[in-house]
C-alpha atoms as a PDB file:
ATOM      1  CA  MET A   1       0.000   0.000   0.000  1.00  0.00           C
ATOM      2  CA  LEU A   2       0.980   3.625  -0.502  1.00  0.00           C
ATOM      3  CA  VAL A   3      -0.295   6.630   1.434  1.00  0.00           C
ATOM      4  CA  LEU A   4       0.524  10.022  -0.053  1.00  0.00           C
ATOM      5  CA  PRO A   5       1.682  12.531   2.591  1.00  0.00           C
ATOM      6  CA  LYS A   6      -0.754  15.374   3.215  1.00  0.00           C
ATOM      7  CA  TYR A   7       1.846  18.010   2.389  1.00  0.00           C
ATOM      8  CA  ILE A   8       2.265  16.469  -1.095  1.00  0.00           C
ATOM      9  CA  ILE A   9      -1.480  16.552  -1.715  1.00  0.00           C
ATOM     10  CA  ASP A  10      -1.718  20.154  -0.472  1.00  0.00           C
ATOM     11  CA  LYS A  11       1.260  21.137  -2.624  1.00  0.00           C
ATOM     12  CA  VAL A  12      -0.410  20.016  -5.865  1.00  0.00           C
ATOM     13  CA  ALA A  13      -3.914  21.240  -5.014  1.00  0.00           C
ATOM     14  CA  ASP A  14      -3.690  24.037  -7.604  1.00  0.00           C
ATOM     15  CA  ASN A  15      -2.826  21.669 -10.453  1.00  0.00           C
ATOM     16  CA  PRO A  16      -5.934  21.522 -12.714  1.00  0.00           C
ATOM     17  CA  LEU A  17      -5.618  17.812 -13.450  1.00  0.00           C
ATOM     18  CA  LEU A  18      -5.080  16.819  -9.817  1.00  0.00           C
ATOM     19  CA  ASP A  19      -7.747  19.219  -8.630  1.00  0.00           C
ATOM     20  CA  ALA A  20     -10.171  17.224 -10.792  1.00  0.00           C
ATOM     21  CA  LEU A  21      -9.073  13.748  -9.661  1.00  0.00           C
ATOM     22  CA  CYS A  22      -6.330  12.950  -7.166  1.00  0.00           C
ATOM     23  CA  ILE A  23      -5.335   9.618  -5.617  1.00  0.00           C
ATOM     24  CA  THR A  24      -4.433   9.895  -1.934  1.00  0.00           C
ATOM     25  CA  ASP A  25      -4.041   6.211  -0.944  1.00  0.00           C
ATOM     26  CA  ILE A  26      -3.740   2.989  -2.927  1.00  0.00           C
ATOM     27  CA  GLY A  27      -3.148  -0.671  -2.142  1.00  0.00           C
ATOM     28  CA  HIS A  28      -3.739  -4.361  -2.778  1.00  0.00           C
ATOM     29  CA  PHE A  29      -4.593  -6.751   0.053  1.00  0.00           C
ATOM     30  CA  PRO A  30      -4.551 -10.469  -0.870  1.00  0.00           C
ATOM     31  CA  ASN A  31      -6.512 -12.795   1.442  1.00  0.00           C
ATOM     32  CA  ALA A  32      -7.067  -9.993   3.925  1.00  0.00           C
ATOM     33  CA  SER A  33      -8.323 -11.865   6.969  1.00  0.00           C
ATOM     34  CA  ASN A  34      -9.434  -9.707   9.925  1.00  0.00           C
ATOM     35  CA  HIS A  35      -9.618  -6.666   7.643  1.00  0.00           C
ATOM     36  CA  TYR A  36     -12.123  -4.251   9.231  1.00  0.00           C
ATOM     37  CA  ARG A  37     -12.691  -0.502   9.019  1.00  0.00           C
ATOM     38  CA  LEU A  38     -15.303   1.562  10.869  1.00  0.00           C
ATOM     39  CA  ARG A  39     -15.233   5.315  10.275  1.00  0.00           C
ATOM     40  CA  GLU A  40     -18.030   6.932  12.248  1.00  0.00           C
ATOM     41  CA  ASN A  41     -17.416  10.336  10.677  1.00  0.00           C
ATOM     42  CA  GLY A  42     -16.265   9.174   7.259  1.00  0.00           C
ATOM     43  CA  ILE A  43     -13.150  10.605   5.600  1.00  0.00           C
ATOM     44  CA  ASP A  44     -12.437  13.401   3.116  1.00  0.00           C
ATOM     45  CA  GLU A  45     -11.970  10.983   0.206  1.00  0.00           C
ATOM     46  CA  TYR A  46     -14.076   8.538  -1.768  1.00  0.00           C
ATOM     47  CA  VAL A  47     -13.132   4.904  -1.144  1.00  0.00           C
ATOM     48  CA  PHE A  48     -13.038   2.477  -4.080  1.00  0.00           C
ATOM     49  CA  ILE A  49     -12.794  -1.258  -3.310  1.00  0.00           C
ATOM     50  CA  TYR A  50     -12.676  -3.980  -5.967  1.00  0.00           C
ATOM     51  CA  CYS A  51     -13.015  -7.568  -4.730  1.00  0.00           C
ATOM     52  CA  ILE A  52     -11.349 -10.161  -6.928  1.00  0.00           C
ATOM     53  CA  ASN A  53     -11.660 -13.140  -4.587  1.00  0.00           C
ATOM     54  CA  GLY A  54     -13.470 -14.133  -1.409  1.00  0.00           C
ATOM     55  CA  LYS A  55     -16.180 -11.911   0.016  1.00  0.00           C
ATOM     56  CA  GLY A  56     -16.924  -9.175   2.548  1.00  0.00           C
ATOM     57  CA  GLU A  57     -19.487  -6.619   3.681  1.00  0.00           C
ATOM     58  CA  TYR A  58     -19.950  -2.872   3.726  1.00  0.00           C
ATOM     59  CA  ARG A  59     -22.441  -0.329   5.010  1.00  0.00           C
ATOM     60  CA  ILE A  60     -22.918   3.364   4.273  1.00  0.00           C
ATOM     61  CA  GLY A  61     -24.345   5.481   7.090  1.00  0.00           C
ATOM     62  CA  ASN A  62     -27.466   3.872   8.557  1.00  0.00           C
ATOM     63  CA  GLY A  63     -28.205   2.067   5.311  1.00  0.00           C
ATOM     64  CA  PRO A  64     -28.393  -1.681   4.723  1.00  0.00           C
ATOM     65  CA  THR A  65     -25.360  -3.934   4.951  1.00  0.00           C
ATOM     66  CA  HIS A  66     -24.310  -5.144   1.505  1.00  0.00           C
ATOM     67  CA  THR A  67     -22.455  -8.388   0.862  1.00  0.00           C
ATOM     68  CA  ILE A  68     -19.755  -8.138  -1.798  1.00  0.00           C
ATOM     69  CA  HIS A  69     -18.379 -11.118  -3.704  1.00  0.00           C
ATOM     70  CA  ALA A  70     -15.600 -11.742  -6.208  1.00  0.00           C
ATOM     71  CA  ASN A  71     -15.837  -9.660  -9.406  1.00  0.00           C
ATOM     72  CA  GLN A  72     -17.732  -6.837  -7.683  1.00  0.00           C
ATOM     73  CA  TYR A  73     -16.737  -3.339  -6.602  1.00  0.00           C
ATOM     74  CA  PHE A  74     -18.228  -0.525  -4.565  1.00  0.00           C
ATOM     75  CA  ILE A  75     -17.460   3.138  -3.927  1.00  0.00           C
ATOM     76  CA  LEU A  76     -18.015   4.826  -0.562  1.00  0.00           C
ATOM     77  CA  PRO A  77     -18.846   8.546  -0.663  1.00  0.00           C
ATOM     78  CA  ALA A  78     -16.672  11.111   1.087  1.00  0.00           C
ATOM     79  CA  HIS A  79     -17.722  12.697   4.397  1.00  0.00           C
ATOM     80  CA  THR A  80     -20.107   9.839   5.122  1.00  0.00           C
ATOM     81  CA  PRO A  81     -19.955   7.268   7.963  1.00  0.00           C
ATOM     82  CA  HIS A  82     -19.173   3.792   6.709  1.00  0.00           C
ATOM     83  CA  MET A  83     -17.983   0.318   7.596  1.00  0.00           C
ATOM     84  CA  TYR A  84     -16.425  -2.475   5.566  1.00  0.00           C
ATOM     85  CA  CYS A  85     -14.848  -5.797   6.453  1.00  0.00           C
ATOM     86  CA  SER A  86     -13.591  -9.083   5.073  1.00  0.00           C
ATOM     87  CA  ASP A  87     -15.647 -12.231   5.644  1.00  0.00           C
ATOM     88  CA  PRO A  88     -14.121 -14.229   8.544  1.00  0.00           C
ATOM     89  CA  ASN A  89     -14.641 -17.546   6.732  1.00  0.00           C
ATOM     90  CA  ASP A  90     -13.817 -16.461   3.174  1.00  0.00           C
ATOM     91  CA  SER A  91     -11.296 -13.606   3.323  1.00  0.00           C
ATOM     92  CA  TRP A  92     -11.489 -11.180   0.458  1.00  0.00           C
ATOM     93  CA  SER A  93      -8.655 -10.125  -1.838  1.00  0.00           C
ATOM     94  CA  ILE A  94      -9.101  -6.498  -2.833  1.00  0.00           C
ATOM     95  CA  TYR A  95      -7.670  -3.620  -4.802  1.00  0.00           C
ATOM     96  CA  TRP A  96      -8.483  -0.272  -3.205  1.00  0.00           C
ATOM     97  CA  ILE A  97      -7.987   3.432  -3.884  1.00  0.00           C
ATOM     98  CA  HIS A  98      -8.910   6.581  -1.957  1.00  0.00           C
ATOM     99  CA  PHE A  99      -9.490   9.596  -4.198  1.00  0.00           C
ATOM    100  CA  ARG A 100     -10.807  13.141  -4.166  1.00  0.00           C
ATOM    101  CA  GLY A 101     -11.341  16.011  -6.613  1.00  0.00           C
ATOM    102  CA  THR A 102     -14.022  18.016  -8.370  1.00  0.00           C
ATOM    103  CA  LEU A 103     -14.806  15.033 -10.624  1.00  0.00           C
ATOM    104  CA  ALA A 104     -14.862  12.506  -7.784  1.00  0.00           C
ATOM    105  CA  THR A 105     -18.640  12.754  -7.457  1.00  0.00           C
ATOM    106  CA  SER A 106     -19.079  12.079 -11.173  1.00  0.00           C
ATOM    107  CA  TYR A 107     -17.232   8.785 -10.791  1.00  0.00           C
ATOM    108  CA  GLY A 108     -18.232   7.848  -7.254  1.00  0.00           C
ATOM    109  CA  GLY A 109     -21.860   8.866  -7.235  1.00  0.00           C
ATOM    110  CA  SER A 110     -23.040   6.131  -9.603  1.00  0.00           C
ATOM    111  CA  ALA A 111     -22.174   3.111  -7.434  1.00  0.00           C
ATOM    112  CA  ASN A 112     -24.840   3.010  -4.709  1.00  0.00           C
ATOM    113  CA  GLY A 113     -24.653  -0.779  -4.342  1.00  0.00           C
ATOM    114  CA  PRO A 114     -22.211  -3.509  -5.357  1.00  0.00           C
ATOM    115  CA  MET A 115     -21.432  -3.330  -9.069  1.00  0.00           C
ATOM    116  CA  GLU A 116     -20.724  -6.462 -11.119  1.00  0.00           C
ATOM    117  CA  ILE A 117     -17.660  -7.047 -13.317  1.00  0.00           C
ATOM    118  CA  PRO A 118     -18.432 -10.566 -14.524  1.00  0.00           C
ATOM    119  CA  PRO A 119     -15.775 -12.458 -16.490  1.00  0.00           C
ATOM    120  CA  GLY A 120     -16.868 -13.190 -20.030  1.00  0.00           C
ATOM    121  CA  ARG A 121     -15.690 -13.785 -23.566  1.00  0.00           C
ATOM    122  CA  GLN A 122     -15.019 -10.057 -24.111  1.00  0.00           C
ATOM    123  CA  SER A 123     -14.075  -9.082 -20.575  1.00  0.00           C
ATOM    124  CA  ARG A 124     -10.754  -7.339 -20.007  1.00  0.00           C
ATOM    125  CA  ILE A 125     -10.246  -7.878 -16.289  1.00  0.00           C
ATOM    126  CA  SER A 126      -6.539  -8.587 -16.681  1.00  0.00           C
ATOM    127  CA  ASP A 127      -6.119  -5.328 -18.639  1.00  0.00           C
ATOM    128  CA  ARG A 128      -7.771  -3.419 -15.804  1.00  0.00           C
ATOM    129  CA  ILE A 129      -5.529  -5.048 -13.197  1.00  0.00           C
ATOM    130  CA  SER A 130      -2.524  -4.048 -15.312  1.00  0.00           C
ATOM    131  CA  MET A 131      -3.807  -0.464 -15.219  1.00  0.00           C
ATOM    132  CA  PHE A 132      -3.935  -0.626 -11.426  1.00  0.00           C
ATOM    133  CA  GLU A 133      -0.378  -1.949 -11.303  1.00  0.00           C
ATOM    134  CA  GLU A 134       0.697   0.897 -13.608  1.00  0.00           C
ATOM    135  CA  ILE A 135      -0.843   3.481 -11.290  1.00  0.00           C
ATOM    136  CA  PHE A 136       0.768   1.893  -8.254  1.00  0.00           C
ATOM    137  CA  SER A 137       4.232   1.517  -9.790  1.00  0.00           C
ATOM    138  CA  THR A 138       4.146   5.105 -11.084  1.00  0.00           C
ATOM    139  CA  LEU A 139       3.429   6.481  -7.612  1.00  0.00           C
ATOM    140  CA  GLN A 140       5.927   4.095  -6.044  1.00  0.00           C
ATOM    141  CA  ALA A 141       8.614   5.439  -8.390  1.00  0.00           C
ATOM    142  CA  GLY A 142       8.348   8.905  -6.824  1.00  0.00           C
ATOM    143  CA  LEU A 143       5.751  11.485  -5.858  1.00  0.00           C
ATOM    144  CA  THR A 144       6.681  14.079  -8.442  1.00  0.00           C
ATOM    145  CA  VAL A 145       4.002  16.277  -9.972  1.00  0.00           C
ATOM    146  CA  GLU A 146       4.488  14.494 -13.300  1.00  0.00           C
ATOM    147  CA  ASN A 147       4.022  11.066 -11.717  1.00  0.00           C
ATOM    148  CA  LEU A 148       0.936  12.204  -9.830  1.00  0.00           C
ATOM    149  CA  CYS A 149      -0.561  13.657 -13.012  1.00  0.00           C
ATOM    150  CA  TYR A 150       0.152  10.504 -15.008  1.00  0.00           C
ATOM    151  CA  ALA A 151      -1.353   8.307 -12.278  1.00  0.00           C
ATOM    152  CA  SER A 152      -4.438  10.531 -12.269  1.00  0.00           C
ATOM    153  CA  SER A 153      -4.740  10.261 -16.064  1.00  0.00           C
ATOM    154  CA  VAL A 154      -4.597   6.460 -15.932  1.00  0.00           C
ATOM    155  CA  PHE A 155      -7.091   6.476 -13.056  1.00  0.00           C
ATOM    156  CA  HIS A 156      -9.578   8.392 -15.220  1.00  0.00           C
ATOM    157  CA  HIS A 157      -9.325   5.525 -17.721  1.00  0.00           C
ATOM    158  CA  TYR A 158      -9.536   2.929 -14.945  1.00  0.00           C
ATOM    159  CA  LEU A 159     -12.767   4.359 -13.522  1.00  0.00           C
ATOM    160  CA  GLY A 160     -14.165   4.827 -17.021  1.00  0.00           C
ATOM    161  CA  SER A 161     -13.550   1.153 -17.742  1.00  0.00           C
ATOM    162  CA  LEU A 162     -15.871   0.325 -14.843  1.00  0.00           C
ATOM    163  CA  ILE A 163     -18.619   2.869 -15.387  1.00  0.00           C
ATOM    164  CA  TYR A 164     -18.735   2.337 -19.155  1.00  0.00           C
ATOM    165  CA  LEU A 165     -18.163  -1.385 -18.907  1.00  0.00           C
ATOM    166  CA  GLN A 166     -19.737  -2.421 -22.204  1.00  0.00           C
ATOM    167  CA  GLN A 167     -17.882   0.269 -24.184  1.00  0.00           C
ATOM    168  CA  TYR A 168     -14.606  -0.775 -22.549  1.00  0.00           C
ATOM    169  CA  ARG A 169     -15.163  -4.399 -23.496  1.00  0.00           C
ATOM    170  CA  THR A 170     -16.314  -3.868 -27.074  1.00  0.00           C
ATOM    171  CA  SER A 171     -13.575  -1.338 -27.857  1.00  0.00           C
ATOM    172  CA  LYS A 172     -11.346  -4.343 -28.515  1.00  0.00           C
ATOM    173  CA  ALA A 173     -13.947  -6.283 -30.445  1.00  0.00           C
ATOM    174  CA  GLU A 174     -11.405  -7.193 -33.102  1.00  0.00           C
ATOM    175  CA  ASN A 175      -9.566  -9.205 -30.451  1.00  0.00           C
ATOM    176  CA  SER A 176     -12.649 -10.884 -29.009  1.00  0.00           C
ATOM    177  CA  ILE A 177     -12.589 -14.603 -28.347  1.00  0.00           C
ATOM    178  CA  ASP A 178     -14.015 -16.850 -31.081  1.00  0.00           C
ATOM    179  CA  ASP A 179     -15.567 -20.261 -30.675  1.00  0.00           C
ATOM    180  CA  ASN A 180     -12.246 -22.033 -30.294  1.00  0.00           C
ATOM    181  CA  ILE A 181     -12.489 -23.822 -26.964  1.00  0.00           C
ATOM    182  CA  SER A 182      -8.803 -23.460 -26.106  1.00  0.00           C
ATOM    183  CA  GLU A 183      -8.897 -19.707 -26.729  1.00  0.00           C
ATOM    184  CA  MET A 184     -11.975 -19.396 -24.527  1.00  0.00           C
ATOM    185  CA  ALA A 185     -10.272 -21.362 -21.759  1.00  0.00           C
ATOM    186  CA  ILE A 186      -6.994 -19.418 -21.969  1.00  0.00           C
ATOM    187  CA  HIS A 187      -8.903 -16.144 -21.873  1.00  0.00           C
ATOM    188  CA  TYR A 188     -10.710 -17.312 -18.723  1.00  0.00           C
ATOM    189  CA  MET A 189      -7.422 -18.384 -17.111  1.00  0.00           C
ATOM    190  CA  LYS A 190      -5.888 -14.961 -17.755  1.00  0.00           C
ATOM    191  CA  GLU A 191      -8.982 -13.116 -16.517  1.00  0.00           C
ATOM    192  CA  ASN A 192      -8.863 -15.041 -13.232  1.00  0.00           C
ATOM    193  CA  MET A 193      -5.115 -15.139 -12.657  1.00  0.00           C
ATOM    194  CA  GLU A 194      -5.362 -14.508  -8.912  1.00  0.00           C
ATOM    195  CA  LYS A 195      -7.922 -17.225  -8.262  1.00  0.00           C
ATOM    196  CA  GLN A 196      -7.333 -20.881  -7.538  1.00  0.00           C
ATOM    197  CA  LEU A 197      -9.215 -22.138 -10.573  1.00  0.00           C
ATOM    198  CA  THR A 198     -10.203 -25.774 -10.771  1.00  0.00           C
ATOM    199  CA  LEU A 199     -10.493 -27.783 -13.939  1.00  0.00           C
ATOM    200  CA  ASP A 200     -14.241 -27.862 -13.355  1.00  0.00           C
ATOM    201  CA  ASP A 201     -14.363 -24.025 -13.210  1.00  0.00           C
ATOM    202  CA  ILE A 202     -12.669 -23.712 -16.601  1.00  0.00           C
ATOM    203  CA  ALA A 203     -14.668 -26.498 -18.236  1.00  0.00           C
ATOM    204  CA  GLN A 204     -17.921 -24.989 -16.966  1.00  0.00           C
ATOM    205  CA  PHE A 205     -17.008 -21.637 -18.505  1.00  0.00           C
ATOM    206  CA  THR A 206     -16.512 -23.244 -21.912  1.00  0.00           C
ATOM    207  CA  GLY A 207     -19.760 -25.209 -21.636  1.00  0.00           C
ATOM    208  CA  TYR A 208     -18.052 -28.592 -21.946  1.00  0.00           C
ATOM    209  CA  SER A 209     -17.844 -31.498 -19.514  1.00  0.00           C
ATOM    210  CA  VAL A 210     -14.502 -31.827 -17.730  1.00  0.00           C
ATOM    211  CA  SER A 211     -13.515 -34.941 -19.672  1.00  0.00           C
ATOM    212  CA  ARG A 212     -14.513 -33.540 -23.049  1.00  0.00           C
ATOM    213  CA  PHE A 213     -12.908 -30.156 -22.354  1.00  0.00           C
ATOM    214  CA  SER A 214      -9.629 -31.750 -21.236  1.00  0.00           C
ATOM    215  CA  ALA A 215      -9.468 -33.927 -24.332  1.00  0.00           C
ATOM    216  CA  VAL A 216     -10.248 -31.096 -26.768  1.00  0.00           C
ATOM    217  CA  PHE A 217      -7.860 -28.652 -25.060  1.00  0.00           C
ATOM    218  CA  LYS A 218      -4.979 -31.125 -25.135  1.00  0.00           C
ATOM    219  CA  GLU A 219      -5.712 -31.936 -28.780  1.00  0.00           C
ATOM    220  CA  GLN A 220      -5.657 -28.237 -29.731  1.00  0.00           C
ATOM    221  CA  MET A 221      -2.766 -27.108 -27.494  1.00  0.00           C
ATOM    222  CA  GLY A 222      -0.663 -30.245 -27.076  1.00  0.00           C
ATOM    223  CA  ILE A 223      -0.665 -29.825 -23.292  1.00  0.00           C
ATOM    224  CA  SER A 224      -3.155 -30.449 -20.490  1.00  0.00           C
ATOM    225  CA  PRO A 225      -5.252 -27.522 -19.199  1.00  0.00           C
ATOM    226  CA  LYS A 226      -3.685 -27.763 -15.733  1.00  0.00           C
ATOM    227  CA  ASN A 227      -0.128 -27.641 -17.080  1.00  0.00           C
ATOM    228  CA  TYR A 228      -0.985 -24.754 -19.404  1.00  0.00           C
ATOM    229  CA  HIS A 229      -2.608 -22.866 -16.534  1.00  0.00           C
ATOM    230  CA  ASN A 230       0.547 -23.296 -14.467  1.00  0.00           C
ATOM    231  CA  LEU A 231       2.640 -22.055 -17.401  1.00  0.00           C
ATOM    232  CA  LEU A 232       0.545 -18.877 -17.535  1.00  0.00           C
ATOM    233  CA  ARG A 233       0.843 -18.360 -13.789  1.00  0.00           C
ATOM    234  CA  VAL A 234       4.609 -18.838 -13.796  1.00  0.00           C
ATOM    235  CA  GLN A 235       4.931 -16.531 -16.816  1.00  0.00           C
ATOM    236  CA  GLU A 236       3.086 -13.803 -14.902  1.00  0.00           C
ATOM    237  CA  ALA A 237       5.178 -14.531 -11.803  1.00  0.00           C
ATOM    238  CA  CYS A 238       8.352 -13.994 -13.841  1.00  0.00           C
ATOM    239  CA  ARG A 239       7.021 -10.633 -15.031  1.00  0.00           C
ATOM    240  CA  LEU A 240       6.240  -9.546 -11.476  1.00  0.00           C
ATOM    241  CA  LEU A 241       9.598 -10.740 -10.120  1.00  0.00           C
ATOM    242  CA  GLU A 242      11.418  -8.840 -12.856  1.00  0.00           C
ATOM    243  CA  HIS A 243       9.450  -5.601 -12.979  1.00  0.00           C
ATOM    244  CA  THR A 244       8.158  -5.066  -9.430  1.00  0.00           C
ATOM    245  CA  ASP A 245       9.536  -5.082  -5.911  1.00  0.00           C
ATOM    246  CA  MET A 246       6.977  -7.601  -4.683  1.00  0.00           C
ATOM    247  CA  LYS A 247       8.172 -10.257  -2.282  1.00  0.00           C
ATOM    248  CA  ILE A 248       7.924 -13.876  -3.382  1.00  0.00           C
ATOM    249  CA  ASN A 249       4.954 -14.628  -1.130  1.00  0.00           C
ATOM    250  CA  GLN A 250       3.145 -11.596  -2.593  1.00  0.00           C
ATOM    251  CA  VAL A 251       3.837 -12.805  -6.123  1.00  0.00           C
ATOM    252  CA  SER A 252       2.564 -16.225  -5.107  1.00  0.00           C
ATOM    253  CA  HIS A 253      -0.808 -14.740  -4.108  1.00  0.00           C
ATOM    254  CA  LYS A 254      -0.940 -12.588  -7.244  1.00  0.00           C
ATOM    255  CA  VAL A 255      -0.818 -15.672  -9.471  1.00  0.00           C
ATOM    256  CA  GLY A 256      -3.301 -17.723  -7.491  1.00  0.00           C
ATOM    257  CA  PHE A 257      -1.169 -19.760  -5.085  1.00  0.00           C
ATOM    258  CA  ASP A 258      -2.096 -19.506  -1.402  1.00  0.00           C
ATOM    259  CA  ASP A 259       0.764 -21.846  -0.497  1.00  0.00           C
ATOM    260  CA  SER A 260       4.078 -20.155  -1.332  1.00  0.00           C
ATOM    261  CA  LEU A 261       5.989 -23.433  -0.914  1.00  0.00           C
ATOM    262  CA  TYR A 262       3.793 -25.127  -3.516  1.00  0.00           C
ATOM    263  CA  PHE A 263       4.243 -22.075  -5.749  1.00  0.00           C
ATOM    264  CA  SER A 264       8.031 -22.450  -5.449  1.00  0.00           C
ATOM    265  CA  ARG A 265       7.829 -26.120  -6.423  1.00  0.00           C
ATOM    266  CA  VAL A 266       5.699 -25.403  -9.493  1.00  0.00           C
ATOM    267  CA  PHE A 267       7.921 -22.454 -10.464  1.00  0.00           C
ATOM    268  CA  SER A 268      11.115 -24.481 -10.046  1.00  0.00           C
ATOM    269  CA  LYS A 269       9.762 -27.366 -12.103  1.00  0.00           C
ATOM    270  CA  ILE A 270       8.939 -25.086 -15.038  1.00  0.00           C
ATOM    271  CA  MET A 271      11.847 -22.626 -14.815  1.00  0.00           C
ATOM    272  CA  THR A 272      14.495 -25.052 -13.463  1.00  0.00           C
ATOM    273  CA  MET A 273      15.318 -22.528 -10.749  1.00  0.00           C
ATOM    274  CA  SER A 274      13.594 -21.228  -7.657  1.00  0.00           C
ATOM    275  CA  PRO A 275      11.688 -17.921  -7.605  1.00  0.00           C
ATOM    276  CA  LYS A 276      14.428 -16.466  -5.409  1.00  0.00           C
ATOM    277  CA  GLU A 277      17.148 -17.516  -7.860  1.00  0.00           C
ATOM    278  CA  TYR A 278      15.159 -16.066 -10.760  1.00  0.00           C
ATOM    279  CA  LYS A 279      14.616 -12.782  -8.913  1.00  0.00           C
ATOM    280  CA  ASN A 280      18.328 -12.488  -8.136  1.00  0.00           C
ATOM    281  CA  MET A 281      19.247 -13.296 -11.739  1.00  0.00           C
ATOM    282  CA  VAL A 282      16.997 -10.672 -13.345  1.00  0.00           C
ATOM    283  CA  LYS A 283      17.986  -7.975 -10.846  1.00  0.00           C
ATOM    284  CA  VAL A 284      21.651  -8.449 -11.799  1.00  0.00           C
ATOM    285  CA  LYS A 285      20.947  -7.803 -15.511  1.00  0.00           C
END
């Protein structure tokens, strides 16, 4: 997580772009057990929370308590009492951002209840997560005015991809998934990179039985669905180890492994070196 110091936020208050939309806090909490916030007086910023796994609850003022599941997000209004928490039996994994600005109401005012981001044949969930990582890494690189402005610009796009969900998805219609079962399955694997997908989950998405799906996938790709899924996860892990400062256990969660030891075994089998050895090798280059 990153929390921007108040003096930085005050310093850039006169910047037109940041006056319109400014990020003040940002973070990613995987499997956030015991995560609980109660703010009886609210805060000065809007709070955006996107659940990608598990579930939780939130309440605004004296309103009803909403349950939030994977592939849903909500936005809490500024200056309003609220509460949110992770489910004690199914801890949520969330991306979250606090933001303010003259345009904050335009983005935050439309999400009164949980909003759905269902995976589908044209969904671009992985693209959106990459946008989040870009915002985070830009701010982590330094809190210069230029970095803050760029992060704000990307955040405009990020929020737009949620509010105008259908337009965001169809804007890449030329790259949409066709009826090829392996392409459908690979798309689903990429869209759910942080989840512990089962073979049944993937087969159900394609509309095939597990046995039929496995046979067709292996015939088309020359490799079993499970092994291909692990290849994708390790490929993403390599990218994160090379281009971020995430610790190995954080990378493990980001690619859908709750057990970091099992992640290391899978990684080592595919890459013929441990995640630690790979991280040390790429940092030397």
